[in-house]
Amino acid sequence: MPKKVPEGNLPQGIDFRLPTGKLHGMDFKTYFTGLPIAERESFAQQAGTSRGYCNQVAYANKQIELGMADVFVAVSGGILDLDNLPLTDRAAAQRIIRERVAEPAPAGITAEASPVEQGA
């Protein structure tokens, strides 16, 4: 049986663990509205924004930029993830580029040093 998660910015009494014991992502509205009002205020302050802005994201389908999405993921302790946040088109494109850059090069391909790195 999955364990309840007692700490952090989690709505009380809801089990967010998969059978593996790992937390899974959820949409922002479910996460944010599940927090007690005082914790919503704390979440917003930690994210460097207002509770009103967070309410717009939760209720008014306001889309957010990638930087704010990263902050929301961090402040939630990883409960939120980028897959479940309402990103702007630009943020979604930036995310794709970020993920492509982070992918390891195929085996046998090595990066060449730039002329600056070679001391030219």
PDB file of N, CA and C in Angstrom:
ATOM      1  N   MET A   1       0.844  -1.181   0.000  1.00  0.00           N
ATOM      2  CA  MET A   1       0.000   0.000   0.000  1.00  0.00           C
ATOM      3  C   MET A   1       0.889   1.242   0.000  1.00  0.00           C
ATOM      4  N   PRO A   2       0.619   2.223  -0.870  1.00  0.00           N
ATOM      5  CA  PRO A   2       1.434   3.445  -0.914  1.00  0.00           C
ATOM      6  C   PRO A   2       1.352   4.210   0.391  1.00  0.00           C
ATOM      7  N   LYS A   3       2.456   4.879   0.713  1.00  0.00           N
ATOM      8  CA  LYS A   3       2.511   5.663   1.938  1.00  0.00           C
ATOM      9  C   LYS A   3       1.957   7.058   1.703  1.00  0.00           C
ATOM     10  N   LYS A   4       1.355   7.615   2.739  1.00  0.00           N
ATOM     11  CA  LYS A   4       0.915   9.010   2.703  1.00  0.00           C
ATOM     12  C   LYS A   4       2.134   9.900   2.843  1.00  0.00           C
ATOM     13  N   VAL A   5       2.102  11.053   2.205  1.00  0.00           N
ATOM     14  CA  VAL A   5       3.208  11.997   2.277  1.00  0.00           C
ATOM     15  C   VAL A   5       2.816  13.092   3.257  1.00  0.00           C
ATOM     16  N   PRO A   6       3.456  13.153   4.429  1.00  0.00           N
ATOM     17  CA  PRO A   6       3.001  14.084   5.457  1.00  0.00           C
ATOM     18  C   PRO A   6       3.568  15.486   5.373  1.00  0.00           C
ATOM     19  N   GLU A   7       4.718  15.701   4.682  1.00  0.00           N
ATOM     20  CA  GLU A   7       5.335  17.009   4.757  1.00  0.00           C
ATOM     21  C   GLU A   7       5.275  17.744   3.430  1.00  0.00           C
ATOM     22  N   GLY A   8       5.792  18.968   3.454  1.00  0.00           N
ATOM     23  CA  GLY A   8       5.902  19.747   2.232  1.00  0.00           C
ATOM     24  C   GLY A   8       4.615  20.469   1.896  1.00  0.00           C
ATOM     25  N   ASN A   9       4.557  20.938   0.677  1.00  0.00           N
ATOM     26  CA  ASN A   9       3.410  21.709   0.203  1.00  0.00           C
ATOM     27  C   ASN A   9       2.373  20.796  -0.434  1.00  0.00           C
ATOM     28  N   LEU A  10       1.957  19.785   0.265  1.00  0.00           N
ATOM     29  CA  LEU A  10       0.992  18.838  -0.279  1.00  0.00           C
ATOM     30  C   LEU A  10      -0.383  19.066   0.314  1.00  0.00           C
ATOM     31  N   PRO A  11      -1.405  19.003  -0.513  1.00  0.00           N
ATOM     32  CA  PRO A  11      -2.754  19.030   0.053  1.00  0.00           C
ATOM     33  C   PRO A  11      -2.902  17.871   1.037  1.00  0.00           C
ATOM     34  N   GLN A  12      -3.531  18.129   2.146  1.00  0.00           N
ATOM     35  CA  GLN A  12      -3.629  17.146   3.213  1.00  0.00           C
ATOM     36  C   GLN A  12      -4.569  15.994   2.846  1.00  0.00           C
ATOM     37  N   GLY A  13      -4.174  14.796   3.243  1.00  0.00           N
ATOM     38  CA  GLY A  13      -5.026  13.629   3.129  1.00  0.00           C
ATOM     39  C   GLY A  13      -5.114  13.012   1.745  1.00  0.00           C
ATOM     40  N   ILE A  14      -4.308  13.472   0.802  1.00  0.00           N
ATOM     41  CA  ILE A  14      -4.334  12.904  -0.546  1.00  0.00           C
ATOM     42  C   ILE A  14      -3.039  12.154  -0.773  1.00  0.00           C
ATOM     43  N   ASP A  15      -3.132  10.941  -1.284  1.00  0.00           N
ATOM     44  CA  ASP A  15      -1.952  10.124  -1.530  1.00  0.00           C
ATOM     45  C   ASP A  15      -1.406  10.423  -2.918  1.00  0.00           C
ATOM     46  N   PHE A  16      -0.191  10.966  -2.972  1.00  0.00           N
ATOM     47  CA  PHE A  16       0.422  11.340  -4.233  1.00  0.00           C
ATOM     48  C   PHE A  16       1.509  10.373  -4.658  1.00  0.00           C
ATOM     49  N   ARG A  17       1.591   9.227  -4.036  1.00  0.00           N
ATOM     50  CA  ARG A  17       2.654   8.295  -4.376  1.00  0.00           C
ATOM     51  C   ARG A  17       2.148   7.211  -5.321  1.00  0.00           C
ATOM     52  N   LEU A  18       3.020   6.874  -6.265  1.00  0.00           N
ATOM     53  CA  LEU A  18       2.764   5.735  -7.129  1.00  0.00           C
ATOM     54  C   LEU A  18       3.098   4.476  -6.336  1.00  0.00           C
ATOM     55  N   PRO A  19       2.721   3.296  -6.809  1.00  0.00           N
ATOM     56  CA  PRO A  19       3.084   2.074  -6.089  1.00  0.00           C
ATOM     57  C   PRO A  19       4.597   1.947  -5.868  1.00  0.00           C
ATOM     58  N   THR A  20       5.402   2.601  -6.697  1.00  0.00           N
ATOM     59  CA  THR A  20       6.855   2.563  -6.533  1.00  0.00           C
ATOM     60  C   THR A  20       7.309   3.441  -5.381  1.00  0.00           C
ATOM     61  N   GLY A  21       6.430   4.277  -4.840  1.00  0.00           N
ATOM     62  CA  GLY A  21       6.782   5.179  -3.765  1.00  0.00           C
ATOM     63  C   GLY A  21       7.184   6.555  -4.254  1.00  0.00           C
ATOM     64  N   LYS A  22       7.256   6.750  -5.562  1.00  0.00           N
ATOM     65  CA  LYS A  22       7.653   8.039  -6.111  1.00  0.00           C
ATOM     66  C   LYS A  22       6.437   8.948  -6.249  1.00  0.00           C
ATOM     67  N   LEU A  23       6.676  10.243  -6.055  1.00  0.00           N
ATOM     68  CA  LEU A  23       5.615  11.217  -6.272  1.00  0.00           C
ATOM     69  C   LEU A  23       5.385  11.358  -7.769  1.00  0.00           C
ATOM     70  N   HIS A  24       4.175  11.643  -8.144  1.00  0.00           N
ATOM     71  CA  HIS A  24       3.895  11.867  -9.558  1.00  0.00           C
ATOM     72  C   HIS A  24       3.413  13.292  -9.746  1.00  0.00           C
ATOM     73  N   GLY A  25       3.546  13.790 -10.974  1.00  0.00           N
ATOM     74  CA  GLY A  25       3.115  15.145 -11.282  1.00  0.00           C
ATOM     75  C   GLY A  25       1.597  15.256 -11.275  1.00  0.00           C
ATOM     76  N   MET A  26       1.155  16.459 -11.051  1.00  0.00           N
ATOM     77  CA  MET A  26      -0.274  16.728 -11.104  1.00  0.00           C
ATOM     78  C   MET A  26      -0.449  18.107 -11.704  1.00  0.00           C
ATOM     79  N   ASP A  27      -1.651  18.409 -12.125  1.00  0.00           N
ATOM     80  CA  ASP A  27      -1.867  19.728 -12.709  1.00  0.00           C
ATOM     81  C   ASP A  27      -1.848  20.788 -11.613  1.00  0.00           C
ATOM     82  N   PHE A  28      -1.561  22.014 -12.016  1.00  0.00           N
ATOM     83  CA  PHE A  28      -1.384  23.097 -11.055  1.00  0.00           C
ATOM     84  C   PHE A  28      -2.650  23.366 -10.256  1.00  0.00           C
ATOM     85  N   LYS A  29      -3.799  23.344 -10.922  1.00  0.00           N
ATOM     86  CA  LYS A  29      -5.053  23.642 -10.217  1.00  0.00           C
ATOM     87  C   LYS A  29      -5.289  22.648  -9.077  1.00  0.00           C
ATOM     88  N   THR A  30      -5.096  21.371  -9.337  1.00  0.00           N
ATOM     89  CA  THR A  30      -5.290  20.355  -8.307  1.00  0.00           C
ATOM     90  C   THR A  30      -4.332  20.575  -7.151  1.00  0.00           C
ATOM     91  N   TYR A  31      -3.075  20.841  -7.490  1.00  0.00           N
ATOM     92  CA  TYR A  31      -2.063  21.057  -6.454  1.00  0.00           C
ATOM     93  C   TYR A  31      -2.374  22.313  -5.641  1.00  0.00           C
ATOM     94  N   PHE A  32      -2.519  23.444  -6.323  1.00  0.00           N
ATOM     95  CA  PHE A  32      -2.648  24.729  -5.639  1.00  0.00           C
ATOM     96  C   PHE A  32      -3.934  24.818  -4.837  1.00  0.00           C
ATOM     97  N   THR A  33      -5.051  24.395  -5.402  1.00  0.00           N
ATOM     98  CA  THR A  33      -6.322  24.496  -4.684  1.00  0.00           C
ATOM     99  C   THR A  33      -6.422  23.480  -3.554  1.00  0.00           C
ATOM    100  N   GLY A  34      -5.568  22.478  -3.569  1.00  0.00           N
ATOM    101  CA  GLY A  34      -5.543  21.511  -2.478  1.00  0.00           C
ATOM    102  C   GLY A  34      -4.777  21.996  -1.264  1.00  0.00           C
ATOM    103  N   LEU A  35      -4.039  23.102  -1.426  1.00  0.00           N
ATOM    104  CA  LEU A  35      -3.299  23.661  -0.301  1.00  0.00           C
ATOM    105  C   LEU A  35      -4.226  24.507   0.566  1.00  0.00           C
ATOM    106  N   PRO A  36      -4.025  24.497   1.888  1.00  0.00           N
ATOM    107  CA  PRO A  36      -4.758  25.444   2.734  1.00  0.00           C
ATOM    108  C   PRO A  36      -4.396  26.870   2.303  1.00  0.00           C
ATOM    109  N   ILE A  37      -5.271  27.825   2.535  1.00  0.00           N
ATOM    110  CA  ILE A  37      -5.065  29.201   2.056  1.00  0.00           C
ATOM    111  C   ILE A  37      -3.736  29.776   2.528  1.00  0.00           C
ATOM    112  N   ALA A  38      -3.353  29.538   3.768  1.00  0.00           N
ATOM    113  CA  ALA A  38      -2.076  30.063   4.265  1.00  0.00           C
ATOM    114  C   ALA A  38      -0.906  29.470   3.482  1.00  0.00           C
ATOM    115  N   GLU A  39      -1.005  28.204   3.119  1.00  0.00           N
ATOM    116  CA  GLU A  39       0.061  27.566   2.343  1.00  0.00           C
ATOM    117  C   GLU A  39       0.059  28.053   0.897  1.00  0.00           C
ATOM    118  N   ARG A  40      -1.097  28.436   0.382  1.00  0.00           N
ATOM    119  CA  ARG A  40      -1.142  29.023  -0.957  1.00  0.00           C
ATOM    120  C   ARG A  40      -0.371  30.332  -0.973  1.00  0.00           C
ATOM    121  N   GLU A  41      -0.581  31.128   0.071  1.00  0.00           N
ATOM    122  CA  GLU A  41       0.137  32.404   0.189  1.00  0.00           C
ATOM    123  C   GLU A  41       1.633  32.154   0.291  1.00  0.00           C
ATOM    124  N   SER A  42       2.021  31.178   1.087  1.00  0.00           N
ATOM    125  CA  SER A  42       3.432  30.827   1.245  1.00  0.00           C
ATOM    126  C   SER A  42       4.028  30.347  -0.078  1.00  0.00           C
ATOM    127  N   PHE A  43       3.298  29.511  -0.794  1.00  0.00           N
ATOM    128  CA  PHE A  43       3.763  29.022  -2.092  1.00  0.00           C
ATOM    129  C   PHE A  43       4.025  30.198  -3.026  1.00  0.00           C
ATOM    130  N   ALA A  44       3.067  31.112  -3.100  1.00  0.00           N
ATOM    131  CA  ALA A  44       3.207  32.268  -3.991  1.00  0.00           C
ATOM    132  C   ALA A  44       4.422  33.110  -3.597  1.00  0.00           C
ATOM    133  N   GLN A  45       4.588  33.364  -2.317  1.00  0.00           N
ATOM    134  CA  GLN A  45       5.729  34.160  -1.860  1.00  0.00           C
ATOM    135  C   GLN A  45       7.046  33.475  -2.201  1.00  0.00           C
ATOM    136  N   GLN A  46       7.124  32.172  -1.972  1.00  0.00           N
ATOM    137  CA  GLN A  46       8.347  31.430  -2.286  1.00  0.00           C
ATOM    138  C   GLN A  46       8.628  31.453  -3.786  1.00  0.00           C
ATOM    139  N   ALA A  47       7.567  31.513  -4.586  1.00  0.00           N
ATOM    140  CA  ALA A  47       7.723  31.544  -6.042  1.00  0.00           C
ATOM    141  C   ALA A  47       8.000  32.956  -6.553  1.00  0.00           C
ATOM    142  N   GLY A  48       7.955  33.933  -5.667  1.00  0.00           N
ATOM    143  CA  GLY A  48       8.216  35.306  -6.065  1.00  0.00           C
ATOM    144  C   GLY A  48       7.070  35.951  -6.817  1.00  0.00           C
ATOM    145  N   THR A  49       5.860  35.518  -6.501  1.00  0.00           N
ATOM    146  CA  THR A  49       4.681  36.063  -7.168  1.00  0.00           C
ATOM    147  C   THR A  49       3.565  36.241  -6.144  1.00  0.00           C
ATOM    148  N   SER A  50       2.369  36.484  -6.615  1.00  0.00           N
ATOM    149  CA  SER A  50       1.239  36.687  -5.706  1.00  0.00           C
ATOM    150  C   SER A  50       0.279  35.502  -5.759  1.00  0.00           C
ATOM    151  N   ARG A  51      -0.541  35.409  -4.736  1.00  0.00           N
ATOM    152  CA  ARG A  51      -1.569  34.365  -4.745  1.00  0.00           C
ATOM    153  C   ARG A  51      -2.559  34.619  -5.882  1.00  0.00           C
ATOM    154  N   GLY A  52      -2.798  35.905  -6.195  1.00  0.00           N
ATOM    155  CA  GLY A  52      -3.690  36.231  -7.306  1.00  0.00           C
ATOM    156  C   GLY A  52      -3.177  35.699  -8.637  1.00  0.00           C
ATOM    157  N   TYR A  53      -1.871  35.822  -8.868  1.00  0.00           N
ATOM    158  CA  TYR A  53      -1.273  35.290 -10.097  1.00  0.00           C
ATOM    159  C   TYR A  53      -1.453  33.773 -10.137  1.00  0.00           C
ATOM    160  N   CYS A  54      -1.180  33.117  -9.014  1.00  0.00           N
ATOM    161  CA  CYS A  54      -1.347  31.657  -8.951  1.00  0.00           C
ATOM    162  C   CYS A  54      -2.800  31.265  -9.190  1.00  0.00           C
ATOM    163  N   ASN A  55      -3.739  32.062  -8.661  1.00  0.00           N
ATOM    164  CA  ASN A  55      -5.158  31.793  -8.911  1.00  0.00           C
ATOM    165  C   ASN A  55      -5.480  31.913 -10.395  1.00  0.00           C
ATOM    166  N   GLN A  56      -4.865  32.884 -11.081  1.00  0.00           N
ATOM    167  CA  GLN A  56      -5.085  33.030 -12.529  1.00  0.00           C
ATOM    168  C   GLN A  56      -4.588  31.795 -13.269  1.00  0.00           C
ATOM    169  N   VAL A  57      -3.439  31.275 -12.846  1.00  0.00           N
ATOM    170  CA  VAL A  57      -2.908  30.061 -13.477  1.00  0.00           C
ATOM    171  C   VAL A  57      -3.844  28.887 -13.204  1.00  0.00           C
ATOM    172  N   ALA A  58      -4.334  28.806 -11.964  1.00  0.00           N
ATOM    173  CA  ALA A  58      -5.185  27.674 -11.577  1.00  0.00           C
ATOM    174  C   ALA A  58      -6.581  27.753 -12.190  1.00  0.00           C
ATOM    175  N   TYR A  59      -7.197  28.935 -12.177  1.00  0.00           N
ATOM    176  CA  TYR A  59      -8.605  29.043 -12.552  1.00  0.00           C
ATOM    177  C   TYR A  59      -8.860  29.664 -13.923  1.00  0.00           C
ATOM    178  N   ALA A  60      -7.990  30.536 -14.375  1.00  0.00           N
ATOM    179  CA  ALA A  60      -8.263  31.281 -15.606  1.00  0.00           C
ATOM    180  C   ALA A  60      -7.458  30.766 -16.791  1.00  0.00           C
ATOM    181  N   ASN A  61      -6.859  29.605 -16.633  1.00  0.00           N
ATOM    182  CA  ASN A  61      -6.065  29.015 -17.712  1.00  0.00           C
ATOM    183  C   ASN A  61      -4.968  29.947 -18.200  1.00  0.00           C
ATOM    184  N   LYS A  62      -4.390  30.728 -17.286  1.00  0.00           N
ATOM    185  CA  LYS A  62      -3.267  31.603 -17.637  1.00  0.00           C
ATOM    186  C   LYS A  62      -2.052  30.728 -17.921  1.00  0.00           C
ATOM    187  N   GLN A  63      -1.409  30.993 -19.037  1.00  0.00           N
ATOM    188  CA  GLN A  63      -0.204  30.249 -19.382  1.00  0.00           C
ATOM    189  C   GLN A  63       1.014  30.959 -18.804  1.00  0.00           C
ATOM    190  N   ILE A  64       2.039  30.196 -18.500  1.00  0.00           N
ATOM    191  CA  ILE A  64       3.220  30.756 -17.854  1.00  0.00           C
ATOM    192  C   ILE A  64       4.476  30.493 -18.680  1.00  0.00           C
ATOM    193  N   GLU A  65       5.474  31.337 -18.452  1.00  0.00           N
ATOM    194  CA  GLU A  65       6.759  31.193 -19.122  1.00  0.00           C
ATOM    195  C   GLU A  65       7.577  30.105 -18.434  1.00  0.00           C
ATOM    196  N   LEU A  66       8.599  29.650 -19.112  1.00  0.00           N
ATOM    197  CA  LEU A  66       9.397  28.527 -18.630  1.00  0.00           C
ATOM    198  C   LEU A  66      10.073  28.820 -17.293  1.00  0.00           C
ATOM    199  N   GLY A  67      10.562  30.031 -17.106  1.00  0.00           N
ATOM    200  CA  GLY A  67      11.215  30.373 -15.841  1.00  0.00           C
ATOM    201  C   GLY A  67      10.276  30.231 -14.658  1.00  0.00           C
ATOM    202  N   MET A  68       9.058  30.736 -14.793  1.00  0.00           N
ATOM    203  CA  MET A  68       8.078  30.615 -13.707  1.00  0.00           C
ATOM    204  C   MET A  68       7.685  29.152 -13.516  1.00  0.00           C
ATOM    205  N   ALA A  69       7.570  28.421 -14.598  1.00  0.00           N
ATOM    206  CA  ALA A  69       7.249  26.997 -14.481  1.00  0.00           C
ATOM    207  C   ALA A  69       8.346  26.263 -13.704  1.00  0.00           C
ATOM    208  N   ASP A  70       9.606  26.582 -13.997  1.00  0.00           N
ATOM    209  CA  ASP A  70      10.716  25.979 -13.251  1.00  0.00           C
ATOM    210  C   ASP A  70      10.624  26.304 -11.769  1.00  0.00           C
ATOM    211  N   VAL A  71      10.251  27.541 -11.456  1.00  0.00           N
ATOM    212  CA  VAL A  71      10.106  27.959 -10.059  1.00  0.00           C
ATOM    213  C   VAL A  71       8.969  27.179  -9.399  1.00  0.00           C
ATOM    214  N   PHE A  72       7.838  27.043 -10.076  1.00  0.00           N
ATOM    215  CA  PHE A  72       6.718  26.293  -9.514  1.00  0.00           C
ATOM    216  C   PHE A  72       7.122  24.846  -9.221  1.00  0.00           C
ATOM    217  N   VAL A  73       7.856  24.231 -10.133  1.00  0.00           N
ATOM    218  CA  VAL A  73       8.312  22.851  -9.919  1.00  0.00           C
ATOM    219  C   VAL A  73       9.211  22.790  -8.685  1.00  0.00           C
ATOM    220  N   ALA A  74      10.135  23.737  -8.581  1.00  0.00           N
ATOM    221  CA  ALA A  74      11.064  23.747  -7.442  1.00  0.00           C
ATOM    222  C   ALA A  74      10.344  23.984  -6.121  1.00  0.00           C
ATOM    223  N   VAL A  75       9.451  24.974  -6.080  1.00  0.00           N
ATOM    224  CA  VAL A  75       8.752  25.304  -4.834  1.00  0.00           C
ATOM    225  C   VAL A  75       7.840  24.160  -4.400  1.00  0.00           C
ATOM    226  N   SER A  76       7.301  23.419  -5.350  1.00  0.00           N
ATOM    227  CA  SER A  76       6.426  22.295  -5.009  1.00  0.00           C
ATOM    228  C   SER A  76       7.211  21.067  -4.567  1.00  0.00           C
ATOM    229  N   GLY A  77       8.523  21.142  -4.627  1.00  0.00           N
ATOM    230  CA  GLY A  77       9.333  19.982  -4.249  1.00  0.00           C
ATOM    231  C   GLY A  77       9.270  18.871  -5.281  1.00  0.00           C
ATOM    232  N   GLY A  78       8.962  19.219  -6.523  1.00  0.00           N
ATOM    233  CA  GLY A  78       8.916  18.224  -7.587  1.00  0.00           C
ATOM    234  C   GLY A  78       7.567  17.553  -7.769  1.00  0.00           C
ATOM    235  N   ILE A  79       6.590  17.956  -6.994  1.00  0.00           N
ATOM    236  CA  ILE A  79       5.257  17.379  -7.159  1.00  0.00           C
ATOM    237  C   ILE A  79       4.674  17.831  -8.491  1.00  0.00           C
ATOM    238  N   LEU A  80       4.874  19.098  -8.797  1.00  0.00           N
ATOM    239  CA  LEU A  80       4.488  19.598 -10.122  1.00  0.00           C
ATOM    240  C   LEU A  80       5.604  19.257 -11.089  1.00  0.00           C
ATOM    241  N   ASP A  81       5.264  19.099 -12.349  1.00  0.00           N
ATOM    242  CA  ASP A  81       6.288  18.930 -13.374  1.00  0.00           C
ATOM    243  C   ASP A  81       5.879  19.709 -14.613  1.00  0.00           C
ATOM    244  N   LEU A  82       6.822  19.911 -15.504  1.00  0.00           N
ATOM    245  CA  LEU A  82       6.563  20.738 -16.677  1.00  0.00           C
ATOM    246  C   LEU A  82       5.480  20.151 -17.578  1.00  0.00           C
ATOM    247  N   ASP A  83       5.295  18.842 -17.545  1.00  0.00           N
ATOM    248  CA  ASP A  83       4.264  18.208 -18.376  1.00  0.00           C
ATOM    249  C   ASP A  83       2.858  18.637 -17.976  1.00  0.00           C
ATOM    250  N   ASN A  84       2.698  19.056 -16.733  1.00  0.00           N
ATOM    251  CA  ASN A  84       1.366  19.368 -16.220  1.00  0.00           C
ATOM    252  C   ASN A  84       1.161  20.837 -15.885  1.00  0.00           C
ATOM    253  N   LEU A  85       2.030  21.697 -16.404  1.00  0.00           N
ATOM    254  CA  LEU A  85       1.873  23.136 -16.198  1.00  0.00           C
ATOM    255  C   LEU A  85       1.479  23.785 -17.519  1.00  0.00           C
ATOM    256  N   PRO A  86       0.655  24.830 -17.472  1.00  0.00           N
ATOM    257  CA  PRO A  86       0.172  25.483 -18.703  1.00  0.00           C
ATOM    258  C   PRO A  86       1.228  26.445 -19.284  1.00  0.00           C
ATOM    259  N   LEU A  87       2.106  25.907 -20.119  1.00  0.00           N
ATOM    260  CA  LEU A  87       3.181  26.706 -20.696  1.00  0.00           C
ATOM    261  C   LEU A  87       2.696  27.514 -21.894  1.00  0.00           C
ATOM    262  N   THR A  88       3.275  28.700 -22.062  1.00  0.00           N
ATOM    263  CA  THR A  88       3.024  29.472 -23.282  1.00  0.00           C
ATOM    264  C   THR A  88       3.643  28.706 -24.450  1.00  0.00           C
ATOM    265  N   ASP A  89       3.282  29.066 -25.668  1.00  0.00           N
ATOM    266  CA  ASP A  89       3.878  28.424 -26.844  1.00  0.00           C
ATOM    267  C   ASP A  89       5.390  28.603 -26.842  1.00  0.00           C
ATOM    268  N   ARG A  90       5.842  29.811 -26.497  1.00  0.00           N
ATOM    269  CA  ARG A  90       7.282  30.079 -26.466  1.00  0.00           C
ATOM    270  C   ARG A  90       7.967  29.207 -25.414  1.00  0.00           C
ATOM    271  N   ALA A  91       7.362  29.084 -24.238  1.00  0.00           N
ATOM    272  CA  ALA A  91       7.939  28.264 -23.176  1.00  0.00           C
ATOM    273  C   ALA A  91       7.997  26.798 -23.588  1.00  0.00           C
ATOM    274  N   ALA A  92       6.965  26.321 -24.267  1.00  0.00           N
ATOM    275  CA  ALA A  92       6.959  24.929 -24.729  1.00  0.00           C
ATOM    276  C   ALA A  92       8.079  24.696 -25.741  1.00  0.00           C
ATOM    277  N   ALA A  93       8.288  25.662 -26.633  1.00  0.00           N
ATOM    278  CA  ALA A  93       9.372  25.546 -27.619  1.00  0.00           C
ATOM    279  C   ALA A  93      10.731  25.578 -26.919  1.00  0.00           C
ATOM    280  N   GLN A  94      10.893  26.465 -25.939  1.00  0.00           N
ATOM    281  CA  GLN A  94      12.146  26.538 -25.192  1.00  0.00           C
ATOM    282  C   GLN A  94      12.408  25.234 -24.443  1.00  0.00           C
ATOM    283  N   ARG A  95      11.366  24.649 -23.922  1.00  0.00           N
ATOM    284  CA  ARG A  95      11.520  23.383 -23.200  1.00  0.00           C
ATOM    285  C   ARG A  95      12.022  22.289 -24.125  1.00  0.00           C
ATOM    286  N   ILE A  96      11.472  22.232 -25.328  1.00  0.00           N
ATOM    287  CA  ILE A  96      11.911  21.223 -26.307  1.00  0.00           C
ATOM    288  C   ILE A  96      13.383  21.417 -26.622  1.00  0.00           C
ATOM    289  N   ILE A  97      13.785  22.663 -26.847  1.00  0.00           N
ATOM    290  CA  ILE A  97      15.194  22.948 -27.137  1.00  0.00           C
ATOM    291  C   ILE A  97      16.061  22.552 -25.953  1.00  0.00           C
ATOM    292  N   ARG A  98      15.638  22.890 -24.746  1.00  0.00           N
ATOM    293  CA  ARG A  98      16.396  22.541 -23.538  1.00  0.00           C
ATOM    294  C   ARG A  98      16.589  21.038 -23.437  1.00  0.00           C
ATOM    295  N   GLU A  99      15.539  20.284 -23.704  1.00  0.00           N
ATOM    296  CA  GLU A  99      15.625  18.829 -23.593  1.00  0.00           C
ATOM    297  C   GLU A  99      16.513  18.238 -24.673  1.00  0.00           C
ATOM    298  N   ARG A 100      16.480  18.798 -25.880  1.00  0.00           N
ATOM    299  CA  ARG A 100      17.359  18.314 -26.949  1.00  0.00           C
ATOM    300  C   ARG A 100      18.815  18.565 -26.622  1.00  0.00           C
ATOM    301  N   VAL A 101      19.115  19.730 -26.085  1.00  0.00           N
ATOM    302  CA  VAL A 101      20.487  20.075 -25.730  1.00  0.00           C
ATOM    303  C   VAL A 101      20.981  19.178 -24.610  1.00  0.00           C
ATOM    304  N   ALA A 102      20.110  18.788 -23.711  1.00  0.00           N
ATOM    305  CA  ALA A 102      20.495  17.963 -22.566  1.00  0.00           C
ATOM    306  C   ALA A 102      20.692  16.496 -22.935  1.00  0.00           C
ATOM    307  N   GLU A 103      20.206  16.081 -24.108  1.00  0.00           N
ATOM    308  CA  GLU A 103      20.349  14.682 -24.513  1.00  0.00           C
ATOM    309  C   GLU A 103      21.808  14.376 -24.818  1.00  0.00           C
ATOM    310  N   PRO A 104      22.302  13.218 -24.382  1.00  0.00           N
ATOM    311  CA  PRO A 104      23.687  12.862 -24.693  1.00  0.00           C
ATOM    312  C   PRO A 104      23.852  12.596 -26.190  1.00  0.00           C
ATOM    313  N   ALA A 105      25.046  12.865 -26.683  1.00  0.00           N
ATOM    314  CA  ALA A 105      25.349  12.615 -28.094  1.00  0.00           C
ATOM    315  C   ALA A 105      25.354  11.107 -28.328  1.00  0.00           C
ATOM    316  N   PRO A 106      24.966  10.674 -29.550  1.00  0.00           N
ATOM    317  CA  PRO A 106      25.009   9.244 -29.856  1.00  0.00           C
ATOM    318  C   PRO A 106      26.425   8.700 -29.695  1.00  0.00           C
ATOM    319  N   ALA A 107      26.533   7.428 -29.402  1.00  0.00           N
ATOM    320  CA  ALA A 107      27.840   6.788 -29.210  1.00  0.00           C
ATOM    321  C   ALA A 107      28.717   7.009 -30.441  1.00  0.00           C
ATOM    322  N   GLY A 108      29.978   7.257 -30.205  1.00  0.00           N
ATOM    323  CA  GLY A 108      30.928   7.435 -31.303  1.00  0.00           C
ATOM    324  C   GLY A 108      31.056   8.868 -31.772  1.00  0.00           C
ATOM    325  N   ILE A 109      30.193   9.768 -31.295  1.00  0.00           N
ATOM    326  CA  ILE A 109      30.279  11.169 -31.694  1.00  0.00           C
ATOM    327  C   ILE A 109      30.889  11.941 -30.540  1.00  0.00           C
ATOM    328  N   THR A 110      31.959  12.661 -30.832  1.00  0.00           N
ATOM    329  CA  THR A 110      32.593  13.461 -29.798  1.00  0.00           C
ATOM    330  C   THR A 110      32.587  14.917 -30.224  1.00  0.00           C
ATOM    331  N   ALA A 111      32.547  15.785 -29.264  1.00  0.00           N
ATOM    332  CA  ALA A 111      32.567  17.207 -29.551  1.00  0.00           C
ATOM    333  C   ALA A 111      33.993  17.651 -29.796  1.00  0.00           C
ATOM    334  N   GLU A 112      34.171  18.506 -30.783  1.00  0.00           N
ATOM    335  CA  GLU A 112      35.498  19.048 -31.065  1.00  0.00           C
ATOM    336  C   GLU A 112      35.671  20.324 -30.266  1.00  0.00           C
ATOM    337  N   ALA A 113      36.909  20.570 -29.846  1.00  0.00           N
ATOM    338  CA  ALA A 113      37.191  21.788 -29.116  1.00  0.00           C
ATOM    339  C   ALA A 113      37.131  22.969 -30.065  1.00  0.00           C
ATOM    340  N   SER A 114      36.594  24.091 -29.594  1.00  0.00           N
ATOM    341  CA  SER A 114      36.540  25.295 -30.408  1.00  0.00           C
ATOM    342  C   SER A 114      37.938  25.883 -30.518  1.00  0.00           C
ATOM    343  N   PRO A 115      38.176  26.779 -31.492  1.00  0.00           N
ATOM    344  CA  PRO A 115      39.499  27.406 -31.606  1.00  0.00           C
ATOM    345  C   PRO A 115      39.922  28.108 -30.321  1.00  0.00           C
ATOM    346  N   VAL A 116      38.970  28.680 -29.579  1.00  0.00           N
ATOM    347  CA  VAL A 116      39.300  29.336 -28.314  1.00  0.00           C
ATOM    348  C   VAL A 116      39.801  28.310 -27.310  1.00  0.00           C
ATOM    349  N   GLU A 117      39.089  27.144 -27.234  1.00  0.00           N
ATOM    350  CA  GLU A 117      39.495  26.101 -26.304  1.00  0.00           C
ATOM    351  C   GLU A 117      40.843  25.504 -26.683  1.00  0.00           C
ATOM    352  N   GLN A 118      41.178  25.531 -27.988  1.00  0.00           N
ATOM    353  CA  GLN A 118      42.447  24.968 -28.452  1.00  0.00           C
ATOM    354  C   GLN A 118      43.600  25.942 -28.239  1.00  0.00           C
ATOM    355  N   GLY A 119      43.298  27.153 -27.823  1.00  0.00           N
ATOM    356  CA  GLY A 119      44.334  28.137 -27.574  1.00  0.00           C
ATOM    357  C   GLY A 119      44.700  28.949 -28.796  1.00  0.00           C
ATOM    358  N   ALA A 120      43.837  28.970 -29.783  1.00  0.00           N
ATOM    359  CA  ALA A 120      44.128  29.706 -31.026  1.00  0.00           C
ATOM    360  C   ALA A 120      43.925  31.186 -30.843  1.00  0.00           C
TER     361      ALA A 120
END
